[in-house]
Amino acid sequence: RAALAAQGSETFKNLKSLMLIGSADLYAPSSTQSIPGKFVIVTTGDKVRIEIDARPVFNFKQVFDGQRSSSSMPGVEMPPPSKFGLAVLAKYDQPGYTVSALPDRKKLRGFRIGDAEGNTTDFYVDLGTARVMQYLTPYNGYTFGTENSKFKEVDGVLIPMNFSQRLEMQQGAFFAEYKVKEVKLNQPIGDDVFTIQ
């Protein structure tokens, strides 16, 4: 409840759409040299489109239309944000969702939210602010981790402005560091954005 309140309570729950645009630094497995790129993440309800463009080295698109997922890289899929991560926080008190305690991690309080399909997200929140600092999601046999380091309140909703993700792929774990430059909330977004080709 405290984590949801920190995120923006009802304003966060009632978001119609969210668009994050910014820069991304990608790290290949066991590499210390980053590959600079750009990213766009668009979500509306259960639909999501993720684009990470670090051409010529890496160019990735994933669309989840609410039912099916399509990825530009065979065998590489990120967990659909409507079933994992922060979106699940807004649903924790709905039928079919369960909340259970996890051992604290350093100075972070841990809890797990699961849904009726067996999907789970492990959240770790700051004890003082109740902000979500980390969350882990097992998906397709891999574990995806997100760590938030900087936040900004936009129209009553707490938005992670700097965050990193661990992306598990067949060739190893990639790391991506995101810096959000532009946030658009509740903009009309056409269904064609989420069309699977």
N, C-alpha and C. Protein backbone atom coordinates (compact mmCIF):
# COMPACT_ATOMS: atom_id res chain seq x y z
N ARG A 1 0.83 -1.21 0.00
CA ARG A 1 0.00 0.00 0.00
C ARG A 1 0.87 1.25 0.00
N ALA A 2 1.92 1.23 0.83
CA ALA A 2 2.83 2.38 0.91
C ALA A 2 3.57 2.58 -0.42
N ALA A 3 3.97 1.46 -1.04
CA ALA A 3 4.69 1.54 -2.32
C ALA A 3 3.78 2.13 -3.40
N LEU A 4 2.51 1.72 -3.39
CA LEU A 4 1.56 2.25 -4.37
C LEU A 4 1.33 3.74 -4.13
N ALA A 5 1.23 4.13 -2.85
CA ALA A 5 1.04 5.55 -2.52
C ALA A 5 2.23 6.38 -3.00
N ALA A 6 3.45 5.83 -2.81
CA ALA A 6 4.66 6.54 -3.27
C ALA A 6 4.68 6.69 -4.78
N GLN A 7 4.09 5.71 -5.46
CA GLN A 7 4.08 5.71 -6.93
C GLN A 7 3.05 6.71 -7.49
N GLY A 8 2.08 7.07 -6.68
CA GLY A 8 1.07 8.04 -7.14
C GLY A 8 -0.36 7.59 -6.90
N SER A 9 -0.55 6.52 -6.11
CA SER A 9 -1.90 6.04 -5.74
C SER A 9 -2.85 5.95 -6.92
N GLU A 10 -4.02 6.60 -6.78
CA GLU A 10 -5.07 6.48 -7.80
C GLU A 10 -4.64 7.08 -9.14
N THR A 11 -3.84 8.15 -9.09
CA THR A 11 -3.38 8.77 -10.35
C THR A 11 -2.55 7.76 -11.14
N PHE A 12 -1.70 7.02 -10.43
CA PHE A 12 -0.89 5.98 -11.07
C PHE A 12 -1.78 4.84 -11.57
N LYS A 13 -2.72 4.42 -10.74
CA LYS A 13 -3.63 3.32 -11.12
C LYS A 13 -4.44 3.65 -12.36
N ASN A 14 -4.81 4.94 -12.50
CA ASN A 14 -5.71 5.34 -13.59
C ASN A 14 -5.00 5.86 -14.82
N LEU A 15 -3.69 5.63 -14.91
CA LEU A 15 -2.95 6.07 -16.10
C LEU A 15 -3.55 5.43 -17.35
N LYS A 16 -3.84 6.25 -18.35
CA LYS A 16 -4.35 5.70 -19.62
C LYS A 16 -3.20 5.29 -20.54
N SER A 17 -2.15 6.09 -20.53
CA SER A 17 -0.98 5.75 -21.35
C SER A 17 0.25 6.40 -20.75
N LEU A 18 1.40 5.80 -21.08
CA LEU A 18 2.68 6.31 -20.60
C LEU A 18 3.69 6.14 -21.73
N MET A 19 4.42 7.22 -22.03
CA MET A 19 5.47 7.14 -23.04
C MET A 19 6.76 7.70 -22.43
N LEU A 20 7.82 6.90 -22.47
CA LEU A 20 9.13 7.32 -22.00
C LEU A 20 10.08 7.33 -23.20
N ILE A 21 10.80 8.44 -23.37
CA ILE A 21 11.74 8.59 -24.49
C ILE A 21 13.06 9.04 -23.90
N GLY A 22 14.16 8.46 -24.36
CA GLY A 22 15.44 8.90 -23.83
C GLY A 22 16.62 8.18 -24.45
N SER A 23 17.74 8.20 -23.72
CA SER A 23 18.96 7.58 -24.21
C SER A 23 19.22 6.29 -23.45
N ALA A 24 19.90 5.38 -24.11
CA ALA A 24 20.22 4.09 -23.50
C ALA A 24 21.69 3.78 -23.74
N ASP A 25 22.36 3.27 -22.72
CA ASP A 25 23.72 2.74 -22.87
C ASP A 25 23.65 1.25 -22.66
N LEU A 26 24.08 0.50 -23.65
CA LEU A 26 23.98 -0.96 -23.61
C LEU A 26 25.36 -1.56 -23.38
N TYR A 27 25.39 -2.59 -22.55
CA TYR A 27 26.64 -3.31 -22.27
C TYR A 27 26.44 -4.76 -22.65
N ALA A 28 27.26 -5.23 -23.59
CA ALA A 28 27.20 -6.64 -23.99
C ALA A 28 27.75 -7.50 -22.85
N PRO A 29 27.46 -8.82 -22.87
CA PRO A 29 27.97 -9.68 -21.80
C PRO A 29 29.48 -9.53 -21.63
N SER A 30 29.92 -9.39 -20.40
CA SER A 30 31.33 -9.25 -19.99
C SER A 30 32.07 -8.11 -20.71
N SER A 31 31.33 -7.05 -21.07
CA SER A 31 31.96 -5.89 -21.70
C SER A 31 31.85 -4.69 -20.76
N THR A 32 32.91 -3.86 -20.72
CA THR A 32 32.85 -2.64 -19.91
C THR A 32 32.61 -1.42 -20.78
N GLN A 33 32.67 -1.62 -22.10
CA GLN A 33 32.46 -0.52 -23.04
C GLN A 33 30.99 -0.47 -23.44
N SER A 34 30.36 0.69 -23.27
CA SER A 34 28.93 0.76 -23.59
C SER A 34 28.70 1.12 -25.05
N ILE A 35 27.53 0.72 -25.52
CA ILE A 35 27.08 1.07 -26.87
C ILE A 35 25.96 2.10 -26.70
N PRO A 36 26.14 3.33 -27.19
CA PRO A 36 25.10 4.34 -26.98
C PRO A 36 23.92 4.14 -27.93
N GLY A 37 22.73 4.46 -27.45
CA GLY A 37 21.55 4.32 -28.28
C GLY A 37 20.40 5.17 -27.75
N LYS A 38 19.22 4.92 -28.32
CA LYS A 38 18.01 5.63 -27.89
C LYS A 38 16.95 4.59 -27.57
N PHE A 39 15.95 5.00 -26.79
CA PHE A 39 14.87 4.06 -26.50
C PHE A 39 13.54 4.80 -26.44
N VAL A 40 12.48 4.03 -26.71
CA VAL A 40 11.10 4.50 -26.53
C VAL A 40 10.33 3.34 -25.91
N ILE A 41 9.59 3.62 -24.83
CA ILE A 41 8.70 2.62 -24.24
C ILE A 41 7.31 3.25 -24.19
N VAL A 42 6.34 2.60 -24.83
CA VAL A 42 4.96 3.11 -24.86
C VAL A 42 4.06 2.05 -24.27
N THR A 43 3.25 2.42 -23.26
CA THR A 43 2.29 1.47 -22.71
C THR A 43 0.90 2.10 -22.65
N THR A 44 -0.09 1.30 -23.00
CA THR A 44 -1.49 1.68 -22.88
C THR A 44 -2.23 0.45 -22.38
N GLY A 45 -2.76 0.50 -21.17
CA GLY A 45 -3.44 -0.69 -20.63
C GLY A 45 -2.51 -1.88 -20.63
N ASP A 46 -2.92 -2.96 -21.28
CA ASP A 46 -2.09 -4.17 -21.33
C ASP A 46 -1.16 -4.20 -22.53
N LYS A 47 -1.16 -3.15 -23.35
CA LYS A 47 -0.35 -3.14 -24.57
C LYS A 47 0.95 -2.39 -24.33
N VAL A 48 2.00 -2.85 -25.00
CA VAL A 48 3.30 -2.18 -24.84
C VAL A 48 4.12 -2.28 -26.13
N ARG A 49 4.90 -1.26 -26.37
CA ARG A 49 5.89 -1.28 -27.46
C ARG A 49 7.21 -0.78 -26.88
N ILE A 50 8.26 -1.55 -27.11
CA ILE A 50 9.59 -1.19 -26.64
C ILE A 50 10.51 -1.12 -27.86
N GLU A 51 11.25 -0.04 -27.98
CA GLU A 51 12.24 0.06 -29.05
C GLU A 51 13.55 0.52 -28.45
N ILE A 52 14.61 -0.21 -28.72
CA ILE A 52 15.96 0.19 -28.32
C ILE A 52 16.80 0.22 -29.59
N ASP A 53 17.28 1.39 -29.94
CA ASP A 53 17.99 1.58 -31.20
C ASP A 53 19.43 1.99 -30.92
N ALA A 54 20.35 1.05 -31.09
CA ALA A 54 21.78 1.33 -30.95
C ALA A 54 22.48 0.84 -32.21
N ARG A 55 21.87 1.21 -33.36
CA ARG A 55 22.46 0.76 -34.63
C ARG A 55 23.85 1.35 -34.81
N PRO A 56 24.73 0.64 -35.51
CA PRO A 56 24.50 -0.61 -36.25
C PRO A 56 24.65 -1.87 -35.39
N VAL A 57 25.03 -1.71 -34.12
CA VAL A 57 25.33 -2.89 -33.30
C VAL A 57 24.07 -3.61 -32.83
N PHE A 58 23.07 -2.85 -32.40
CA PHE A 58 21.91 -3.46 -31.75
C PHE A 58 20.66 -2.66 -32.09
N ASN A 59 19.63 -3.34 -32.55
CA ASN A 59 18.35 -2.68 -32.82
C ASN A 59 17.25 -3.67 -32.44
N PHE A 60 16.43 -3.29 -31.46
CA PHE A 60 15.47 -4.23 -30.89
C PHE A 60 14.10 -3.59 -30.80
N LYS A 61 13.08 -4.36 -31.23
CA LYS A 61 11.70 -3.91 -31.08
C LYS A 61 10.89 -5.06 -30.52
N GLN A 62 10.02 -4.74 -29.57
CA GLN A 62 9.07 -5.74 -29.08
C GLN A 62 7.71 -5.09 -28.94
N VAL A 63 6.70 -5.82 -29.40
CA VAL A 63 5.32 -5.34 -29.26
C VAL A 63 4.52 -6.41 -28.54
N PHE A 64 3.76 -6.00 -27.56
CA PHE A 64 2.82 -6.89 -26.87
C PHE A 64 1.44 -6.26 -27.05
N ASP A 65 0.57 -6.94 -27.79
CA ASP A 65 -0.73 -6.33 -28.16
C ASP A 65 -1.84 -6.61 -27.14
N GLY A 66 -1.44 -7.11 -25.97
CA GLY A 66 -2.42 -7.45 -24.94
C GLY A 66 -2.66 -8.95 -24.87
N GLN A 67 -2.37 -9.65 -25.97
CA GLN A 67 -2.52 -11.11 -26.03
C GLN A 67 -1.22 -11.79 -26.44
N ARG A 68 -0.65 -11.27 -27.54
CA ARG A 68 0.54 -11.91 -28.13
C ARG A 68 1.72 -10.95 -28.08
N SER A 69 2.91 -11.57 -28.13
CA SER A 69 4.14 -10.78 -28.12
C SER A 69 4.93 -11.06 -29.38
N SER A 70 5.54 -10.00 -29.94
CA SER A 70 6.36 -10.16 -31.13
C SER A 70 7.68 -9.45 -30.89
N SER A 71 8.79 -10.11 -31.23
CA SER A 71 10.11 -9.55 -30.99
C SER A 71 10.90 -9.53 -32.29
N SER A 72 11.71 -8.48 -32.49
CA SER A 72 12.52 -8.38 -33.71
C SER A 72 13.72 -9.32 -33.66
N MET A 73 14.03 -9.85 -32.47
CA MET A 73 15.13 -10.80 -32.34
C MET A 73 14.58 -12.15 -31.91
N PRO A 74 14.71 -13.16 -32.76
CA PRO A 74 14.17 -14.48 -32.41
C PRO A 74 14.73 -14.98 -31.08
N GLY A 75 13.84 -15.48 -30.23
CA GLY A 75 14.27 -16.03 -28.95
C GLY A 75 14.54 -14.99 -27.88
N VAL A 76 14.38 -13.71 -28.23
CA VAL A 76 14.62 -12.65 -27.24
C VAL A 76 13.31 -11.92 -26.98
N GLU A 77 12.81 -12.06 -25.77
CA GLU A 77 11.58 -11.37 -25.39
C GLU A 77 11.76 -10.79 -24.01
N MET A 78 11.29 -9.56 -23.84
CA MET A 78 11.29 -8.97 -22.51
C MET A 78 9.91 -9.22 -21.90
N PRO A 79 9.82 -9.31 -20.57
CA PRO A 79 8.51 -9.57 -19.94
C PRO A 79 7.53 -8.44 -20.27
N PRO A 80 6.29 -8.76 -20.67
CA PRO A 80 5.33 -7.69 -20.95
C PRO A 80 5.04 -6.88 -19.68
N PRO A 81 5.26 -5.55 -19.71
CA PRO A 81 5.11 -4.75 -18.50
C PRO A 81 3.71 -4.79 -17.89
N SER A 82 2.70 -5.21 -18.65
CA SER A 82 1.35 -5.26 -18.07
C SER A 82 1.21 -6.42 -17.08
N LYS A 83 2.10 -7.44 -17.19
CA LYS A 83 1.99 -8.61 -16.31
C LYS A 83 3.09 -8.65 -15.26
N PHE A 84 4.07 -7.77 -15.39
CA PHE A 84 5.22 -7.77 -14.48
C PHE A 84 5.58 -6.33 -14.14
N GLY A 85 6.36 -6.17 -13.07
CA GLY A 85 6.90 -4.85 -12.78
C GLY A 85 5.89 -3.89 -12.17
N LEU A 86 6.12 -2.59 -12.41
CA LEU A 86 5.35 -1.55 -11.72
C LEU A 86 3.85 -1.64 -11.97
N ALA A 87 3.43 -2.08 -13.16
CA ALA A 87 1.99 -2.15 -13.47
C ALA A 87 1.28 -3.11 -12.51
N VAL A 88 1.99 -4.15 -12.06
CA VAL A 88 1.40 -5.14 -11.16
C VAL A 88 1.09 -4.50 -9.80
N LEU A 89 1.90 -3.52 -9.43
CA LEU A 89 1.69 -2.82 -8.16
C LEU A 89 0.30 -2.19 -8.10
N ALA A 90 -0.17 -1.70 -9.24
CA ALA A 90 -1.48 -1.05 -9.30
C ALA A 90 -2.62 -2.06 -9.19
N LYS A 91 -2.30 -3.36 -9.33
CA LYS A 91 -3.35 -4.39 -9.33
C LYS A 91 -3.34 -5.26 -8.08
N TYR A 92 -2.42 -4.95 -7.14
CA TYR A 92 -2.17 -5.90 -6.04
C TYR A 92 -3.42 -6.24 -5.23
N ASP A 93 -4.40 -5.30 -5.17
CA ASP A 93 -5.59 -5.55 -4.36
C ASP A 93 -6.77 -6.07 -5.18
N GLN A 94 -6.51 -6.43 -6.45
CA GLN A 94 -7.58 -6.97 -7.29
C GLN A 94 -7.68 -8.49 -7.09
N PRO A 95 -8.86 -9.07 -7.39
CA PRO A 95 -9.00 -10.52 -7.26
C PRO A 95 -7.97 -11.25 -8.12
N GLY A 96 -7.42 -12.34 -7.60
CA GLY A 96 -6.46 -13.14 -8.36
C GLY A 96 -5.01 -12.78 -8.06
N TYR A 97 -4.80 -11.66 -7.36
CA TYR A 97 -3.43 -11.26 -7.01
C TYR A 97 -3.15 -11.56 -5.55
N THR A 98 -1.94 -12.02 -5.27
CA THR A 98 -1.55 -12.31 -3.90
C THR A 98 -0.27 -11.55 -3.57
N VAL A 99 -0.14 -11.16 -2.31
CA VAL A 99 1.07 -10.46 -1.86
C VAL A 99 1.70 -11.29 -0.74
N SER A 100 3.00 -11.52 -0.83
CA SER A 100 3.70 -12.25 0.24
C SER A 100 5.01 -11.53 0.56
N ALA A 101 5.45 -11.68 1.82
CA ALA A 101 6.67 -11.01 2.26
C ALA A 101 7.90 -11.76 1.74
N LEU A 102 8.97 -11.01 1.49
CA LEU A 102 10.27 -11.58 1.13
C LEU A 102 11.29 -11.08 2.15
N PRO A 103 12.40 -11.78 2.32
CA PRO A 103 13.44 -11.27 3.22
C PRO A 103 13.93 -9.90 2.73
N ASP A 104 14.17 -8.99 3.66
CA ASP A 104 14.70 -7.69 3.27
C ASP A 104 16.08 -7.85 2.64
N ARG A 105 16.41 -6.91 1.77
CA ARG A 105 17.70 -6.94 1.08
C ARG A 105 18.42 -5.64 1.40
N LYS A 106 19.51 -5.70 2.14
CA LYS A 106 20.20 -4.51 2.63
C LYS A 106 19.19 -3.62 3.35
N LYS A 107 18.97 -2.40 2.84
CA LYS A 107 18.02 -1.52 3.54
C LYS A 107 16.70 -1.45 2.77
N LEU A 108 16.41 -2.47 2.01
CA LEU A 108 15.19 -2.47 1.20
C LEU A 108 14.21 -3.52 1.72
N ARG A 109 12.94 -3.18 1.82
CA ARG A 109 11.88 -4.10 2.23
C ARG A 109 11.41 -4.87 1.00
N GLY A 110 11.29 -6.19 1.16
CA GLY A 110 10.93 -7.02 0.01
C GLY A 110 9.54 -7.61 0.10
N PHE A 111 8.85 -7.67 -1.04
CA PHE A 111 7.57 -8.39 -1.12
C PHE A 111 7.36 -8.87 -2.55
N ARG A 112 6.53 -9.90 -2.68
CA ARG A 112 6.25 -10.51 -3.99
C ARG A 112 4.76 -10.36 -4.29
N ILE A 113 4.45 -9.98 -5.53
CA ILE A 113 3.06 -9.98 -6.00
C ILE A 113 2.94 -11.03 -7.10
N GLY A 114 1.98 -11.93 -6.92
CA GLY A 114 1.75 -12.97 -7.91
C GLY A 114 0.34 -12.85 -8.47
N ASP A 115 0.15 -13.33 -9.71
CA ASP A 115 -1.19 -13.32 -10.29
C ASP A 115 -1.71 -14.75 -10.47
N ALA A 116 -2.93 -14.87 -10.95
CA ALA A 116 -3.58 -16.18 -11.07
C ALA A 116 -2.88 -17.08 -12.08
N GLU A 117 -2.13 -16.49 -13.03
CA GLU A 117 -1.42 -17.28 -14.06
C GLU A 117 -0.07 -17.78 -13.57
N GLY A 118 0.31 -17.37 -12.34
CA GLY A 118 1.60 -17.81 -11.81
C GLY A 118 2.75 -16.85 -12.07
N ASN A 119 2.47 -15.70 -12.71
CA ASN A 119 3.51 -14.69 -12.92
C ASN A 119 3.81 -14.00 -11.60
N THR A 120 5.09 -13.72 -11.33
CA THR A 120 5.45 -13.04 -10.09
C THR A 120 6.42 -11.89 -10.36
N THR A 121 6.34 -10.87 -9.52
CA THR A 121 7.34 -9.80 -9.49
C THR A 121 7.76 -9.61 -8.04
N ASP A 122 9.08 -9.60 -7.84
CA ASP A 122 9.63 -9.35 -6.50
C ASP A 122 10.02 -7.87 -6.41
N PHE A 123 9.44 -7.16 -5.48
CA PHE A 123 9.70 -5.73 -5.31
C PHE A 123 10.59 -5.50 -4.09
N TYR A 124 11.47 -4.51 -4.21
CA TYR A 124 12.30 -4.07 -3.08
C TYR A 124 12.15 -2.56 -2.97
N VAL A 125 11.60 -2.11 -1.84
CA VAL A 125 11.28 -0.69 -1.69
C VAL A 125 12.12 -0.06 -0.58
N ASP A 126 12.41 1.23 -0.75
CA ASP A 126 13.15 2.00 0.24
C ASP A 126 12.32 2.12 1.52
N LEU A 127 12.92 1.81 2.66
CA LEU A 127 12.17 1.81 3.92
C LEU A 127 11.67 3.21 4.29
N GLY A 128 12.43 4.23 3.94
CA GLY A 128 12.04 5.59 4.30
C GLY A 128 10.98 6.19 3.40
N THR A 129 11.14 5.99 2.08
CA THR A 129 10.24 6.66 1.11
C THR A 129 9.18 5.72 0.54
N ALA A 130 9.37 4.40 0.68
CA ALA A 130 8.50 3.36 0.09
C ALA A 130 8.56 3.35 -1.44
N ARG A 131 9.54 4.05 -2.01
CA ARG A 131 9.71 4.01 -3.47
C ARG A 131 10.29 2.66 -3.90
N VAL A 132 9.82 2.17 -5.05
CA VAL A 132 10.34 0.90 -5.58
C VAL A 132 11.73 1.15 -6.15
N MET A 133 12.73 0.54 -5.53
CA MET A 133 14.11 0.72 -5.98
C MET A 133 14.56 -0.39 -6.93
N GLN A 134 14.00 -1.60 -6.73
CA GLN A 134 14.36 -2.73 -7.58
C GLN A 134 13.15 -3.63 -7.76
N TYR A 135 13.09 -4.30 -8.91
CA TYR A 135 12.15 -5.41 -9.02
C TYR A 135 12.71 -6.47 -9.95
N LEU A 136 12.39 -7.71 -9.63
CA LEU A 136 12.90 -8.88 -10.36
C LEU A 136 11.73 -9.67 -10.90
N THR A 137 11.86 -10.09 -12.16
CA THR A 137 10.77 -10.85 -12.78
C THR A 137 11.34 -12.08 -13.50
N PRO A 138 10.94 -13.28 -13.06
CA PRO A 138 11.31 -14.47 -13.82
C PRO A 138 10.39 -14.60 -15.03
N TYR A 139 10.98 -14.85 -16.21
CA TYR A 139 10.19 -14.90 -17.44
C TYR A 139 10.91 -15.76 -18.47
N ASN A 140 10.20 -16.74 -19.03
CA ASN A 140 10.77 -17.61 -20.07
C ASN A 140 12.09 -18.26 -19.64
N GLY A 141 12.19 -18.61 -18.35
CA GLY A 141 13.39 -19.29 -17.88
C GLY A 141 14.54 -18.36 -17.53
N TYR A 142 14.37 -17.06 -17.72
CA TYR A 142 15.40 -16.08 -17.37
C TYR A 142 14.88 -15.19 -16.25
N THR A 143 15.80 -14.48 -15.58
CA THR A 143 15.39 -13.49 -14.59
C THR A 143 15.78 -12.10 -15.09
N PHE A 144 14.81 -11.21 -15.13
CA PHE A 144 15.04 -9.83 -15.56
C PHE A 144 14.99 -8.93 -14.33
N GLY A 145 16.00 -8.10 -14.18
CA GLY A 145 16.04 -7.21 -13.03
C GLY A 145 16.05 -5.75 -13.45
N THR A 146 15.32 -4.91 -12.73
CA THR A 146 15.31 -3.47 -12.98
C THR A 146 15.68 -2.76 -11.69
N GLU A 147 16.56 -1.78 -11.81
CA GLU A 147 16.99 -1.00 -10.65
C GLU A 147 16.77 0.48 -10.95
N ASN A 148 16.01 1.15 -10.10
CA ASN A 148 15.71 2.57 -10.29
C ASN A 148 16.66 3.40 -9.42
N SER A 149 17.23 4.47 -10.01
CA SER A 149 18.17 5.27 -9.24
C SER A 149 17.76 6.74 -9.12
N LYS A 150 16.90 7.22 -10.01
CA LYS A 150 16.48 8.62 -9.93
C LYS A 150 15.01 8.72 -10.35
N PHE A 151 14.26 9.53 -9.62
CA PHE A 151 12.82 9.65 -9.88
C PHE A 151 12.44 11.11 -10.08
N LYS A 152 11.29 11.31 -10.72
CA LYS A 152 10.72 12.65 -10.84
C LYS A 152 9.21 12.50 -10.81
N GLU A 153 8.54 13.40 -10.10
CA GLU A 153 7.08 13.35 -10.10
C GLU A 153 6.55 14.13 -11.30
N VAL A 154 5.73 13.47 -12.10
CA VAL A 154 5.13 14.10 -13.28
C VAL A 154 3.62 13.97 -13.17
N ASP A 155 2.95 15.09 -13.06
CA ASP A 155 1.47 15.10 -12.96
C ASP A 155 0.96 14.13 -11.89
N GLY A 156 1.65 14.08 -10.74
CA GLY A 156 1.19 13.25 -9.63
C GLY A 156 1.62 11.80 -9.69
N VAL A 157 2.41 11.44 -10.70
CA VAL A 157 2.89 10.05 -10.83
C VAL A 157 4.41 10.04 -10.71
N LEU A 158 4.94 9.11 -9.91
CA LEU A 158 6.38 8.98 -9.74
C LEU A 158 6.95 8.21 -10.93
N ILE A 159 7.84 8.85 -11.69
CA ILE A 159 8.42 8.24 -12.89
C ILE A 159 9.90 7.97 -12.64
N PRO A 160 10.36 6.71 -12.87
CA PRO A 160 11.80 6.46 -12.80
C PRO A 160 12.48 7.16 -13.99
N MET A 161 13.40 8.09 -13.70
CA MET A 161 14.06 8.85 -14.76
C MET A 161 15.40 8.22 -15.15
N ASN A 162 16.06 7.57 -14.21
CA ASN A 162 17.28 6.81 -14.48
C ASN A 162 17.05 5.40 -13.96
N PHE A 163 17.19 4.42 -14.83
CA PHE A 163 17.05 3.04 -14.37
C PHE A 163 17.91 2.12 -15.23
N SER A 164 18.25 0.99 -14.65
CA SER A 164 19.04 0.01 -15.40
C SER A 164 18.30 -1.32 -15.40
N GLN A 165 18.55 -2.07 -16.46
CA GLN A 165 17.91 -3.38 -16.58
C GLN A 165 18.95 -4.43 -16.92
N ARG A 166 18.75 -5.59 -16.35
CA ARG A 166 19.55 -6.75 -16.72
C ARG A 166 18.68 -7.56 -17.68
N LEU A 167 19.17 -7.73 -18.90
CA LEU A 167 18.40 -8.44 -19.93
C LEU A 167 19.07 -9.77 -20.20
N GLU A 168 18.42 -10.84 -19.82
CA GLU A 168 19.00 -12.17 -20.01
C GLU A 168 18.75 -12.64 -21.44
N MET A 169 19.82 -12.99 -22.14
CA MET A 169 19.68 -13.50 -23.49
C MET A 169 20.53 -14.76 -23.63
N GLN A 170 20.34 -15.46 -24.77
CA GLN A 170 21.04 -16.74 -24.92
C GLN A 170 22.55 -16.58 -24.84
N GLN A 171 23.05 -15.44 -25.35
CA GLN A 171 24.51 -15.25 -25.36
C GLN A 171 25.04 -14.68 -24.04
N GLY A 172 24.15 -14.50 -23.06
CA GLY A 172 24.59 -13.99 -21.76
C GLY A 172 23.73 -12.82 -21.31
N ALA A 173 24.17 -12.17 -20.25
CA ALA A 173 23.38 -11.07 -19.68
C ALA A 173 23.86 -9.73 -20.25
N PHE A 174 22.94 -9.01 -20.87
CA PHE A 174 23.19 -7.64 -21.30
C PHE A 174 22.74 -6.71 -20.18
N PHE A 175 23.39 -5.56 -20.09
CA PHE A 175 22.91 -4.52 -19.18
C PHE A 175 22.54 -3.30 -19.99
N ALA A 176 21.46 -2.66 -19.63
CA ALA A 176 21.06 -1.43 -20.30
C ALA A 176 20.81 -0.37 -19.23
N GLU A 177 21.40 0.81 -19.44
CA GLU A 177 21.16 1.93 -18.54
C GLU A 177 20.36 2.97 -19.31
N TYR A 178 19.22 3.36 -18.75
CA TYR A 178 18.30 4.27 -19.42
C TYR A 178 18.27 5.63 -18.71
N LYS A 179 18.26 6.69 -19.52
CA LYS A 179 18.03 8.03 -18.99
C LYS A 179 16.83 8.61 -19.72
N VAL A 180 15.77 8.87 -18.97
CA VAL A 180 14.54 9.38 -19.58
C VAL A 180 14.70 10.88 -19.83
N LYS A 181 14.43 11.31 -21.08
CA LYS A 181 14.52 12.73 -21.42
C LYS A 181 13.12 13.36 -21.53
N GLU A 182 12.15 12.52 -21.88
CA GLU A 182 10.80 13.04 -22.11
C GLU A 182 9.77 12.05 -21.59
N VAL A 183 8.77 12.57 -20.87
CA VAL A 183 7.69 11.74 -20.31
C VAL A 183 6.37 12.28 -20.84
N LYS A 184 5.53 11.40 -21.40
CA LYS A 184 4.20 11.82 -21.85
C LYS A 184 3.18 10.91 -21.18
N LEU A 185 2.26 11.52 -20.42
CA LEU A 185 1.23 10.76 -19.72
C LEU A 185 -0.13 11.03 -20.35
N ASN A 186 -0.93 9.96 -20.45
CA ASN A 186 -2.34 10.06 -20.86
C ASN A 186 -2.54 10.73 -22.22
N GLN A 187 -1.55 10.56 -23.13
CA GLN A 187 -1.71 11.05 -24.50
C GLN A 187 -2.49 10.00 -25.28
N PRO A 188 -3.32 10.44 -26.25
CA PRO A 188 -3.99 9.43 -27.09
C PRO A 188 -2.95 8.70 -27.95
N ILE A 189 -3.01 7.38 -27.94
CA ILE A 189 -2.08 6.56 -28.72
C ILE A 189 -2.89 5.60 -29.57
N GLY A 190 -2.63 5.62 -30.87
CA GLY A 190 -3.40 4.80 -31.82
C GLY A 190 -3.09 3.33 -31.67
N ASP A 191 -4.07 2.47 -31.96
CA ASP A 191 -3.89 1.03 -31.86
C ASP A 191 -2.81 0.52 -32.81
N ASP A 192 -2.55 1.27 -33.90
CA ASP A 192 -1.56 0.83 -34.89
C ASP A 192 -0.15 0.74 -34.30
N VAL A 193 0.08 1.48 -33.21
CA VAL A 193 1.39 1.44 -32.53
C VAL A 193 1.66 0.02 -32.01
N PHE A 194 0.58 -0.72 -31.70
CA PHE A 194 0.73 -2.04 -31.09
C PHE A 194 0.34 -3.17 -32.05
N THR A 195 0.34 -2.86 -33.35
CA THR A 195 0.02 -3.89 -34.34
C THR A 195 1.22 -4.81 -34.52
N ILE A 196 0.97 -6.10 -34.46
CA ILE A 196 2.05 -7.08 -34.70
C ILE A 196 2.08 -7.38 -36.19
N GLN A 197 3.26 -7.16 -36.78
CA GLN A 197 3.41 -7.33 -38.25
C GLN A 197 3.40 -8.82 -38.60
